[in-house]
Protein backbone atom coordinates (compact mmCIF):
# COMPACT_ATOMS: atom_id res chain seq x y z
CA UNK A 1 73.93 84.96 156.13
CA UNK A 2 75.56 86.57 152.77
CA UNK A 3 78.38 88.93 152.89
CA UNK A 4 75.94 91.70 151.98
CA UNK A 5 73.80 90.85 154.76
CA UNK A 6 76.51 90.91 157.12
CA UNK A 7 77.90 94.15 155.98
CA UNK A 8 74.51 95.58 156.48
CA UNK A 9 74.15 94.30 159.99
CA UNK A 10 77.70 95.87 160.99
CA UNK A 11 76.80 99.21 159.54
CA UNK A 12 73.33 99.26 161.61
CA UNK A 13 75.28 98.23 164.63
CA UNK A 14 77.94 101.10 164.13
CA UNK A 15 74.98 103.52 163.74
CA UNK A 16 73.38 102.49 167.12
CA UNK A 17 76.70 102.37 169.06
CA UNK A 18 77.53 105.57 170.77
CA UNK A 19 81.06 106.87 170.31
CA UNK A 20 82.95 107.32 173.34
CA UNK A 21 86.21 106.11 175.10
CA UNK A 22 84.16 103.03 176.34
CA UNK A 23 83.09 101.91 172.87
CA UNK A 24 86.14 102.75 170.77
CA UNK A 25 87.67 99.39 170.62
CA UNK A 26 84.37 97.79 169.82
CA UNK A 27 83.67 100.25 166.82
CA UNK A 28 87.50 99.81 165.79
CA UNK A 29 86.94 95.92 165.47
CA UNK A 30 83.42 96.44 163.65
CA UNK A 31 85.34 98.75 161.08
CA UNK A 32 87.99 96.03 160.49
CA UNK A 33 85.42 93.55 159.99
CA UNK A 34 83.33 95.79 157.43
CA UNK A 35 86.42 96.50 155.44
CA UNK A 36 87.26 92.48 155.36
CA UNK A 37 83.50 91.97 154.01
CA UNK A 38 83.57 94.55 151.34
CA UNK A 39 87.16 93.45 150.14
CA UNK A 40 85.73 89.76 149.98
CA UNK A 41 82.84 91.07 147.85
CA UNK A 42 85.21 92.89 145.46
CA UNK A 43 87.60 90.00 145.25
CA UNK A 44 84.72 87.77 144.51
CA UNK A 45 83.43 89.56 141.56
CA UNK A 46 86.89 89.84 140.06
CA UNK A 47 87.08 86.04 140.43
CA UNK A 48 83.72 85.52 138.85
CA UNK A 49 84.33 87.96 135.98
CA UNK A 50 88.06 86.51 135.42
CA UNK A 51 87.00 83.99 132.77
CA UNK A 52 84.46 86.23 130.90
CA UNK A 53 84.85 89.73 129.17
CA UNK A 54 83.07 91.73 131.59
CA UNK A 55 81.21 95.12 131.11
CA UNK A 56 83.92 97.35 131.94
CA UNK A 57 84.62 100.77 129.98
CA UNK A 58 87.29 99.41 127.66
CA UNK A 59 89.13 102.96 127.34
CA UNK A 60 92.71 102.90 126.44
CA UNK A 61 94.69 105.04 128.74
CA UNK A 62 96.86 107.91 127.09
CA UNK A 63 98.03 111.35 127.21
CA UNK A 64 99.88 113.23 129.89
CA UNK A 65 97.17 112.39 132.37
CA UNK A 66 93.87 110.51 132.65
CA UNK A 67 91.12 112.67 134.16
CA UNK A 68 87.72 111.06 135.28
CA UNK A 69 84.49 113.07 135.78
CA UNK A 70 82.36 111.69 138.39
CA UNK A 71 78.90 112.89 139.55
CA UNK A 72 75.12 112.37 139.72
CA UNK A 73 73.03 112.48 136.60
CA UNK A 74 72.35 115.89 135.36
CA UNK A 75 74.94 117.96 136.86
CA UNK A 76 76.61 118.90 133.67
CA UNK A 77 79.51 116.52 132.89
CA UNK A 78 78.52 116.20 129.15
CA UNK A 79 78.54 120.06 129.01
CA UNK A 80 81.81 120.38 130.62
CA UNK A 81 83.28 117.81 128.26
CA UNK A 82 81.99 119.52 125.06
CA UNK A 83 83.10 123.05 126.56
CA UNK A 84 86.63 121.90 127.43
CA UNK A 85 87.58 119.66 124.56
CA UNK A 86 86.59 119.11 120.95
CA UNK A 87 84.59 116.19 121.76
CA UNK A 88 80.64 116.48 121.31
CA UNK A 89 79.01 114.42 124.45
CA UNK A 90 75.12 114.30 124.51
CA UNK A 91 73.60 116.67 127.01
CA UNK A 92 70.02 116.98 127.82
CA UNK A 93 67.91 118.12 130.50
CA UNK A 94 66.92 114.59 131.74
CA UNK A 95 68.80 111.88 133.74
CA UNK A 96 71.13 109.42 132.37
CA UNK A 97 71.97 111.17 128.96
CA UNK A 98 75.53 109.27 128.83
CA UNK A 99 75.28 105.58 129.08
CA UNK A 100 78.98 104.74 128.29
CA UNK A 101 82.15 106.39 128.79
CA UNK A 102 82.93 109.12 126.38
CA UNK A 103 86.61 110.41 126.25
CA UNK A 104 87.95 113.76 125.15
CA UNK A 105 91.34 115.34 124.76
CA UNK A 106 92.03 118.40 127.19
CA UNK A 107 94.89 120.71 126.15
CA UNK A 108 96.65 122.62 129.00
CA UNK A 109 100.09 124.26 128.74
CA UNK A 110 100.91 122.22 125.69
CA UNK A 111 99.94 118.93 127.70
CA UNK A 112 97.43 116.49 126.40
CA UNK A 113 95.21 114.99 128.70
CA UNK A 114 92.32 112.43 128.58
CA UNK A 115 89.27 113.72 129.89
CA UNK A 116 86.46 111.01 130.78
CA UNK A 117 82.68 111.72 130.73
CA UNK A 118 81.28 108.78 132.83
CA UNK A 119 77.73 107.90 133.21
CA UNK A 120 75.90 109.55 136.10
CA UNK A 121 76.88 107.67 139.61
CA UNK A 122 73.57 106.60 141.88
CA UNK A 123 73.39 105.81 145.31
CA UNK A 124 74.51 102.27 145.89
CA UNK A 125 77.02 102.27 142.95
CA UNK A 126 79.46 100.73 145.05
CA UNK A 127 77.13 97.73 145.29
CA UNK A 128 76.86 97.36 141.71
CA UNK A 129 73.68 99.60 141.08
CA UNK A 130 73.38 101.20 137.74
CA UNK A 131 76.84 101.07 136.27
CA UNK A 132 78.34 102.04 139.33
CA UNK A 133 81.04 99.36 139.46
CA UNK A 134 82.47 100.53 136.16
CA UNK A 135 82.28 104.12 136.88
CA UNK A 136 84.56 103.44 140.22
CA UNK A 137 86.90 101.44 138.49
CA UNK A 138 87.82 104.09 135.97
CA UNK A 139 88.02 106.53 138.72
CA UNK A 140 90.71 104.30 140.41
CA UNK A 141 92.66 104.21 137.37
CA UNK A 142 92.84 108.08 136.92
CA UNK A 143 95.39 110.47 137.81
CA UNK A 144 92.62 113.08 138.93
CA UNK A 145 88.89 112.86 139.57
CA UNK A 146 86.79 115.91 138.81
CA UNK A 147 83.64 115.22 141.13
CA UNK A 148 80.95 117.38 139.49
CA UNK A 149 78.24 118.82 141.64
CA UNK A 150 75.22 120.81 141.39
CA UNK A 151 75.97 123.96 143.37
CA UNK A 152 72.48 124.17 144.61
CA UNK A 153 72.92 120.56 146.47
CA UNK A 154 76.44 120.07 146.06
CA UNK A 155 77.41 119.20 149.86
CA UNK A 156 74.75 116.49 149.85
CA UNK A 157 76.02 115.04 146.72
CA UNK A 158 79.68 115.35 147.75
CA UNK A 159 79.13 113.47 151.06
CA UNK A 160 77.15 110.61 148.93
CA UNK A 161 79.60 110.20 146.31
CA UNK A 162 82.67 110.30 148.66
CA UNK A 163 81.14 107.50 150.57
CA UNK A 164 80.36 105.35 147.68
CA UNK A 165 84.22 106.00 146.74
CA UNK A 166 85.83 105.31 150.08
CA UNK A 167 83.60 101.85 150.49
CA UNK A 168 85.26 100.64 147.58
CA UNK A 169 88.90 101.79 148.59
CA UNK A 170 89.35 105.25 146.96
CA UNK A 171 90.73 107.72 149.23
CA UNK A 172 90.33 111.46 148.06
CA UNK A 173 93.04 114.17 148.56
CA UNK A 174 94.76 111.97 151.05
CA UNK A 175 98.18 111.02 151.50
CA UNK A 176 99.46 107.10 152.29
CA UNK A 177 99.36 106.64 155.97
CA UNK A 178 102.93 106.30 157.32
CA UNK A 179 102.47 102.98 158.65
CA UNK A 180 104.96 99.93 158.06
CA UNK A 181 103.76 96.35 158.52
CA UNK A 182 106.62 93.38 158.48
CA UNK A 183 105.03 90.15 158.70
CA UNK A 184 107.29 87.77 160.79
CA UNK A 185 106.97 84.04 161.36
CA UNK A 186 107.20 84.45 165.16
CA UNK A 187 107.77 87.01 167.86
CA UNK A 188 104.25 88.38 168.19
CA UNK A 189 103.34 91.90 167.47
CA UNK A 190 106.11 94.22 167.85
CA UNK A 191 104.93 97.94 168.14
CA UNK A 192 106.50 101.13 168.08
CA UNK A 193 105.77 104.98 167.17
CA UNK A 194 108.09 107.54 166.18
CA UNK A 195 105.43 110.14 167.00
CA UNK A 196 103.13 110.71 169.63
CA UNK A 197 99.86 108.92 168.80
CA UNK A 198 96.53 110.70 170.00
CA UNK A 199 94.11 108.65 167.55
CA UNK A 200 95.00 105.16 168.53
CA UNK A 201 97.13 103.22 170.90
CA UNK A 202 99.06 99.66 171.00
CA UNK A 203 95.97 97.79 172.46
CA UNK A 204 93.89 98.92 169.59
CA UNK A 205 96.69 98.09 167.08
CA UNK A 206 96.95 94.64 168.46
CA UNK A 207 93.35 94.00 168.48
CA UNK A 208 92.95 95.04 164.83
CA UNK A 209 95.81 92.92 163.51
CA UNK A 210 94.07 89.87 165.49
CA UNK A 211 90.90 90.58 163.58
CA UNK A 212 92.95 90.01 160.37
CA UNK A 213 94.93 87.03 162.02
CA UNK A 214 98.07 88.73 161.95
CA UNK A 215 99.87 87.69 164.94
CA UNK A 216 103.51 88.20 164.46
CA UNK A 217 104.47 91.37 162.74
CA UNK A 218 106.66 94.42 163.39
CA UNK A 219 104.36 97.39 163.40
CA UNK A 220 105.67 101.00 162.88
CA UNK A 221 103.76 104.26 163.08
CA UNK A 222 105.68 107.24 161.60
CA UNK A 223 102.61 109.46 161.73
CA UNK A 224 99.65 110.24 164.20
CA UNK A 225 97.22 107.70 162.33
CA UNK A 226 93.77 106.36 163.30
CA UNK A 227 92.08 103.08 163.11
CA UNK A 228 90.72 103.66 159.53
CA UNK A 229 94.29 104.33 158.05
CA UNK A 230 95.80 101.19 160.12
CA UNK A 231 93.05 98.98 158.14
CA UNK A 232 93.68 100.86 154.79
CA UNK A 233 97.46 99.86 155.15
CA UNK A 234 96.49 95.87 156.41
CA UNK A 235 94.02 95.70 153.17
CA UNK A 236 96.94 97.18 150.94
CA UNK A 237 94.41 97.87 148.05
CA UNK A 238 93.71 101.41 148.43
CA UNK A 239 94.10 103.84 145.79
CA UNK A 240 94.87 107.53 146.90
CA UNK A 241 93.48 109.91 144.21
CA UNK A 242 93.50 113.73 143.96
CA UNK A 243 90.10 115.25 143.56
CA UNK A 244 88.63 118.59 142.38
CA UNK A 245 84.99 119.25 143.53
CA UNK A 246 83.71 121.20 140.60
CA UNK A 247 80.36 123.09 141.53
CA UNK A 248 78.52 123.74 138.39
CA UNK A 249 75.55 126.10 137.74
CA UNK A 250 76.75 128.75 139.92
CA UNK A 251 74.57 131.11 138.06
CA UNK A 252 71.75 129.87 140.10
CA UNK A 253 73.30 130.43 143.52
CA UNK A 254 74.26 133.85 145.14
CA UNK A 255 77.23 135.49 145.04
CA UNK A 256 78.01 134.89 148.75
CA UNK A 257 77.50 131.04 148.19
CA UNK A 258 79.89 131.24 145.30
CA UNK A 259 82.69 133.09 147.45
CA UNK A 260 82.15 130.50 150.14
CA UNK A 261 82.72 127.44 147.48
CA UNK A 262 85.96 129.19 146.39
CA UNK A 263 87.68 129.26 149.71
CA UNK A 264 88.22 125.59 149.90
CA UNK A 265 91.63 124.49 148.21
CA UNK A 266 90.08 121.85 146.18
CA UNK A 267 87.06 123.56 145.14
CA UNK A 268 86.27 125.00 141.94
CA UNK A 269 82.98 127.04 141.03
CA UNK A 270 81.95 127.10 137.45
CA UNK A 271 78.92 127.61 135.25
CA UNK A 272 79.53 126.10 131.80
CA UNK A 273 76.25 127.49 130.52
CA UNK A 274 77.53 131.07 131.12
CA UNK A 275 81.24 130.32 130.64
CA UNK A 276 82.21 131.28 134.25
CA UNK A 277 85.06 130.16 135.90
CA UNK A 278 86.23 127.38 133.50
CA UNK A 279 89.63 129.30 133.00
CA UNK A 280 90.22 128.83 137.02
CA UNK A 281 89.26 125.32 136.96
CA UNK A 282 92.01 124.48 133.97
CA UNK A 283 94.52 126.28 136.31
CA UNK A 284 93.40 124.21 139.18
CA UNK A 285 93.68 120.86 137.17
CA UNK A 286 97.40 121.89 136.00
CA UNK A 287 98.27 122.72 139.40
CA UNK A 288 96.48 119.65 141.42
CA UNK A 289 98.25 117.37 138.91
CA UNK A 290 101.64 118.81 139.49
CA UNK A 291 102.88 118.62 135.88
CA UNK A 292 105.99 120.36 134.80
CA UNK A 293 107.08 121.26 131.20
CA UNK A 294 110.59 120.97 130.63
CA UNK A 295 112.11 122.23 127.16
CA UNK A 296 115.14 120.66 125.48
CA UNK A 297 117.91 122.56 123.98
CA UNK A 298 120.68 121.23 121.74
CA UNK A 299 124.17 122.66 121.69
CA UNK A 300 124.22 126.08 119.73
CA UNK A 301 120.50 125.95 119.20
CA UNK A 302 117.77 127.61 120.71
CA UNK A 303 115.32 125.60 122.99
CA UNK A 304 112.51 123.47 121.38
CA UNK A 305 109.43 125.55 122.78
CA UNK A 306 107.03 123.68 120.57
CA UNK A 307 107.17 120.28 122.12
CA UNK A 308 108.06 120.03 125.90
CA UNK A 309 108.53 116.97 128.07
CA UNK A 310 105.55 116.93 130.21
CA UNK A 311 107.02 115.09 133.66
CA UNK A 312 104.71 113.95 136.34
CA UNK A 313 105.77 113.55 140.21
CA UNK A 314 107.54 110.44 140.79
CA UNK A 315 109.07 108.76 144.06
CA UNK A 316 112.05 110.86 143.79
CA UNK A 317 110.27 114.05 142.55
CA UNK A 318 110.76 115.80 139.09
CA UNK A 319 114.48 115.49 138.39
CA UNK A 320 116.97 115.79 135.57
CA UNK A 321 117.08 111.91 135.58
CA UNK A 322 113.32 111.42 134.95
CA UNK A 323 113.45 113.85 132.12
CA UNK A 324 116.36 111.85 130.37
CA UNK A 325 114.46 108.66 131.02
CA UNK A 326 111.40 110.12 129.12
CA UNK A 327 113.69 111.08 126.36
CA UNK A 328 115.46 107.66 126.22
CA UNK A 329 116.91 105.78 129.13
CA UNK A 330 119.99 104.73 127.09
CA UNK A 331 120.98 108.35 127.32
CA UNK A 332 121.73 108.02 131.06
CA UNK A 333 124.85 106.08 130.65
CA UNK A 334 126.48 108.61 128.04
CA UNK A 335 125.66 111.53 130.38
CA UNK A 336 128.34 113.59 131.73
CA UNK A 337 126.40 116.39 133.18
CA UNK A 338 123.32 118.92 132.38
CA UNK A 339 122.94 122.38 131.91
CA UNK A 340 119.80 123.86 133.21
CA UNK A 341 118.05 127.49 132.37
CA UNK A 342 115.06 128.54 134.63
CA UNK A 343 113.39 128.66 137.88
CA UNK A 344 115.25 125.53 139.43
CA UNK A 345 118.74 127.12 139.33
CA UNK A 346 120.54 130.10 141.05
CA UNK A 347 122.02 131.13 137.73
CA UNK A 348 121.50 130.26 134.00
CA UNK A 349 123.08 128.23 132.68
CA UNK A 350 123.83 125.96 135.73
CA UNK A 351 125.76 122.68 135.56
CA UNK A 352 123.61 120.04 137.03
CA UNK A 353 123.66 116.17 138.02
CA UNK A 354 121.02 113.44 137.86
CA UNK A 355 119.24 114.36 141.07
CA UNK A 356 118.40 117.94 140.46
CA UNK A 357 114.74 118.86 140.72
CA UNK A 358 113.21 120.83 137.91
CA UNK A 359 110.77 123.36 137.66
CA UNK A 360 107.96 124.20 135.11
CA UNK A 361 109.34 125.63 132.04
CA UNK A 362 112.89 124.90 132.74
CA UNK A 363 115.24 124.28 129.80
CA UNK A 364 117.44 121.33 129.60
CA UNK A 365 120.50 120.69 127.62
CA UNK A 366 122.28 117.26 127.85
CA UNK A 367 126.27 117.31 127.73
CA UNK A 368 127.62 113.48 126.96
CA UNK A 369 130.62 112.07 128.15
CA UNK A 370 133.64 112.50 125.70
CA UNK A 371 135.46 109.62 124.60
CA UNK A 372 138.51 110.66 126.64
CA UNK A 373 136.28 110.85 129.79
CA UNK A 374 135.44 107.23 129.22
């Protein structure tokens, strides 16, 4: 029996199994097996394509962020690209107008972002149908996904596409689980949790670890996580991507439907045809990416408001250090302190160090060490 047949068999068994206390351990093990087989298929495809050129969309990443539009055929991705950028992407009232990846430059608040119009995804894309594998690969390399949906059948489309993305390890609008696993040579499974667990217990954790043939490890839970999140950490190949659900063609639904869609944090309701809601979508893209503009200032001169630094959230936040690193990392050794004007300080200017966190539209002036200070 091949991997695809095994996956189908497990999925059918999971569908037949009732979810209750008595079956939760059985379902947990089935989920682990399913994740293992899916990973084996993906790894097998990578190895098979290692020697050849492949058919991926070879689009070089550039700009301050990469944004991928994913959706079913004929939902309006090409029209959105043409409307929001200066790129013309063929749009028509029939399916599969776009057959390759078409990039455009999206400009928001002085930032230049790469907006990609991808071919329409179809059911079974994760298994290689259509050009699904290539579409999903670009999604994994993006800073933000715009899932473009038809407002009249958006929930159905959203559910299907989310399922396809999840099956290949893309997690939308989720944080990485606070689970730490340290593999050891001996000692068995040592388990501890710093919070009360309501979705999993020690027995389930050890069962999942055994399924992966991990018999000696220190497992620490720092959040109330479930079986799926534990499997994600064990697999260690998941990609956590922000997503905005763009419901297009709202001119074809009622005002009540539009109001309902707008209540959700990550939803945007637009009509490209009538130019409705596009400005709100741009604001939501900026806020979701968490980009920050920082203007630089030389001593005795006015700030340069024409060419800001565009900074993204790093592991330590957006700090004076990350701003200087973007200018030139060699400046760090010469830095004495920085003057900051803007929302991040109590008074302007304020003397700050490398760890000071910056806000959007702050002004930064670098003060170098003097020779005497050295």
